[in-house]
Amino acid sequence: MIMGYSKILEQVLIYASKKGFRFKVLVPNLEVLEEGVRMANSLVQNNIQVTLIPFGSVGFHMDEIDYVMTGAEAVVENGGIINRVLFVYLYRLEHNWLL
């Protein structure tokens, strides 16, 4: 699953696809930002299988997710990342799902 739009993640996935790796990408879309639509369109144009879902249905799709990838808005001095607040929602959802 890809959270939001990240130019670096987009390029990594396109590169992997061109090298012969086959995978499916789940892209949640938060309608306010439309980043999911932007990422999904770019990946589909590069022959990557994408499923675009509403952000609120991420919990329903947890069984399908092996990895979650997200870009960083910034990297702080101690190596941590700053990202959108919605990533906290996903982290809590995953934590509760694993319990």
C-alpha atoms as a PDB file:
ATOM      1  CA  MET A   1       0.000   0.000   0.000  1.00  0.00           C
ATOM      2  CA  ILE A   2       1.203   3.478  -0.835  1.00  0.00           C
ATOM      3  CA  MET A   3       0.114   6.360   1.370  1.00  0.00           C
ATOM      4  CA  GLY A   4      -0.354   9.592  -0.556  1.00  0.00           C
ATOM      5  CA  TYR A   5       1.862  10.741  -3.397  1.00  0.00           C
ATOM      6  CA  SER A   6       5.627  10.476  -3.320  1.00  0.00           C
ATOM      7  CA  LYS A   7       7.755  11.136  -6.387  1.00  0.00           C
ATOM      8  CA  ILE A   8      10.506   8.867  -5.047  1.00  0.00           C
ATOM      9  CA  LEU A   9       8.154   5.944  -4.327  1.00  0.00           C
ATOM     10  CA  GLU A  10       6.567   6.443  -7.721  1.00  0.00           C
ATOM     11  CA  GLN A  11       9.960   6.182  -9.433  1.00  0.00           C
ATOM     12  CA  VAL A  12      11.031   3.174  -7.313  1.00  0.00           C
ATOM     13  CA  LEU A  13       7.875   1.247  -8.225  1.00  0.00           C
ATOM     14  CA  ILE A  14       8.173   2.128 -11.914  1.00  0.00           C
ATOM     15  CA  TYR A  15      11.824   1.039 -11.916  1.00  0.00           C
ATOM     16  CA  ALA A  16      10.973  -2.254 -10.168  1.00  0.00           C
ATOM     17  CA  SER A  17       8.189  -2.920 -12.661  1.00  0.00           C
ATOM     18  CA  LYS A  18      10.499  -2.286 -15.620  1.00  0.00           C
ATOM     19  CA  LYS A  19      13.039  -4.692 -14.098  1.00  0.00           C
ATOM     20  CA  GLY A  20      10.423  -7.455 -14.151  1.00  0.00           C
ATOM     21  CA  PHE A  21       9.066  -7.405 -10.598  1.00  0.00           C
ATOM     22  CA  ARG A  22       5.313  -8.049 -10.489  1.00  0.00           C
ATOM     23  CA  PHE A  23       3.221  -6.631  -7.685  1.00  0.00           C
ATOM     24  CA  LYS A  24      -0.121  -5.057  -6.898  1.00  0.00           C
ATOM     25  CA  VAL A  25      -0.423  -1.648  -5.269  1.00  0.00           C
ATOM     26  CA  LEU A  26      -3.285  -0.594  -3.030  1.00  0.00           C
ATOM     27  CA  VAL A  27      -3.687   3.192  -3.008  1.00  0.00           C
ATOM     28  CA  PRO A  28      -6.043   4.854  -0.520  1.00  0.00           C
ATOM     29  CA  ASN A  29      -7.401   8.204  -1.649  1.00  0.00           C
ATOM     30  CA  LEU A  30      -8.333  11.032   0.664  1.00  0.00           C
ATOM     31  CA  GLU A  31     -10.700  13.090  -1.466  1.00  0.00           C
ATOM     32  CA  VAL A  32      -9.539  16.401  -0.047  1.00  0.00           C
ATOM     33  CA  LEU A  33      -5.965  15.983  -1.289  1.00  0.00           C
ATOM     34  CA  GLU A  34      -6.499  13.654  -4.293  1.00  0.00           C
ATOM     35  CA  GLU A  35      -2.923  12.381  -3.898  1.00  0.00           C
ATOM     36  CA  GLY A  36      -4.077   8.780  -4.203  1.00  0.00           C
ATOM     37  CA  VAL A  37      -5.630   9.470  -7.608  1.00  0.00           C
ATOM     38  CA  ARG A  38      -2.432  11.164  -8.758  1.00  0.00           C
ATOM     39  CA  MET A  39      -0.284   8.204  -7.650  1.00  0.00           C
ATOM     40  CA  ALA A  40      -2.691   5.611  -9.062  1.00  0.00           C
ATOM     41  CA  ASN A  41      -2.857   7.332 -12.460  1.00  0.00           C
ATOM     42  CA  SER A  42       0.912   7.491 -12.719  1.00  0.00           C
ATOM     43  CA  LEU A  43       1.354   3.819 -11.799  1.00  0.00           C
ATOM     44  CA  VAL A  44      -1.394   2.633 -14.163  1.00  0.00           C
ATOM     45  CA  GLN A  45       0.244   4.557 -17.029  1.00  0.00           C
ATOM     46  CA  ASN A  46       3.350   2.470 -16.309  1.00  0.00           C
ATOM     47  CA  ASN A  47       1.476  -0.871 -16.413  1.00  0.00           C
ATOM     48  CA  ILE A  48       1.421  -1.424 -12.656  1.00  0.00           C
ATOM     49  CA  GLN A  49      -1.691  -3.069 -11.243  1.00  0.00           C
ATOM     50  CA  VAL A  50      -3.392  -0.580  -8.893  1.00  0.00           C
ATOM     51  CA  THR A  51      -6.512  -0.647  -6.750  1.00  0.00           C
ATOM     52  CA  LEU A  52      -7.721   2.788  -5.658  1.00  0.00           C
ATOM     53  CA  ILE A  53      -9.802   2.695  -2.469  1.00  0.00           C
ATOM     54  CA  PRO A  54     -11.422   5.324  -0.247  1.00  0.00           C
ATOM     55  CA  PHE A  55      -9.175   6.182   2.696  1.00  0.00           C
ATOM     56  CA  GLY A  56     -11.869   5.183   5.162  1.00  0.00           C
ATOM     57  CA  SER A  57     -11.866   1.586   3.889  1.00  0.00           C
ATOM     58  CA  VAL A  58      -8.196   0.867   4.680  1.00  0.00           C
ATOM     59  CA  GLY A  59      -9.198  -1.238   7.697  1.00  0.00           C
ATOM     60  CA  PHE A  60     -11.332  -3.458   5.480  1.00  0.00           C
ATOM     61  CA  HIS A  61      -8.315  -4.198   3.245  1.00  0.00           C
ATOM     62  CA  MET A  62      -5.780  -4.974   5.998  1.00  0.00           C
ATOM     63  CA  ASP A  63      -5.666  -8.677   5.047  1.00  0.00           C
ATOM     64  CA  GLU A  64      -4.413  -7.725   1.581  1.00  0.00           C
ATOM     65  CA  ILE A  65      -1.523  -5.528   2.765  1.00  0.00           C
ATOM     66  CA  ASP A  66       2.023  -6.869   3.064  1.00  0.00           C
ATOM     67  CA  TYR A  67       3.883  -3.536   3.162  1.00  0.00           C
ATOM     68  CA  VAL A  68       3.027   0.104   3.687  1.00  0.00           C
ATOM     69  CA  MET A  69       5.181   2.692   1.973  1.00  0.00           C
ATOM     70  CA  THR A  70       4.985   6.417   2.462  1.00  0.00           C
ATOM     71  CA  GLY A  71       7.050   9.388   1.491  1.00  0.00           C
ATOM     72  CA  ALA A  72       8.422  11.836   4.009  1.00  0.00           C
ATOM     73  CA  GLU A  73       7.617  15.516   4.118  1.00  0.00           C
ATOM     74  CA  ALA A  74      10.922  16.073   5.899  1.00  0.00           C
ATOM     75  CA  VAL A  75      13.669  14.156   7.679  1.00  0.00           C
ATOM     76  CA  VAL A  76      14.597  15.495  11.103  1.00  0.00           C
ATOM     77  CA  GLU A  77      18.019  15.628  12.721  1.00  0.00           C
ATOM     78  CA  ASN A  78      17.623  12.365  14.672  1.00  0.00           C
ATOM     79  CA  GLY A  79      16.632  10.438  11.523  1.00  0.00           C
ATOM     80  CA  GLY A  80      12.884  10.472  12.147  1.00  0.00           C
ATOM     81  CA  ILE A  81      10.438  11.528   9.484  1.00  0.00           C
ATOM     82  CA  ILE A  82       7.691  14.095   9.437  1.00  0.00           C
ATOM     83  CA  ASN A  83       4.624  12.989   7.554  1.00  0.00           C
ATOM     84  CA  ARG A  84       0.971  13.793   7.286  1.00  0.00           C
ATOM     85  CA  VAL A  85      -1.213  13.266  10.332  1.00  0.00           C
ATOM     86  CA  LEU A  86      -3.217  10.563   8.516  1.00  0.00           C
ATOM     87  CA  PHE A  87      -0.265   8.185   8.755  1.00  0.00           C
ATOM     88  CA  VAL A  88      -0.845   8.082  12.529  1.00  0.00           C
ATOM     89  CA  TYR A  89      -4.369   6.802  11.830  1.00  0.00           C
ATOM     90  CA  LEU A  90      -2.957   3.991   9.678  1.00  0.00           C
ATOM     91  CA  TYR A  91      -0.348   3.076  12.293  1.00  0.00           C
ATOM     92  CA  ARG A  92      -2.993   2.799  15.009  1.00  0.00           C
ATOM     93  CA  LEU A  93      -5.250   0.783  12.727  1.00  0.00           C
ATOM     94  CA  GLU A  94      -2.435  -1.647  11.942  1.00  0.00           C
ATOM     95  CA  HIS A  95      -1.421  -1.925  15.590  1.00  0.00           C
ATOM     96  CA  ASN A  96      -4.974  -2.759  16.662  1.00  0.00           C
ATOM     97  CA  TRP A  97      -5.421  -5.179  13.772  1.00  0.00           C
ATOM     98  CA  LEU A  98      -2.317  -7.143  14.801  1.00  0.00           C
ATOM     99  CA  LEU A  99      -3.508  -7.555  18.397  1.00  0.00           C
END
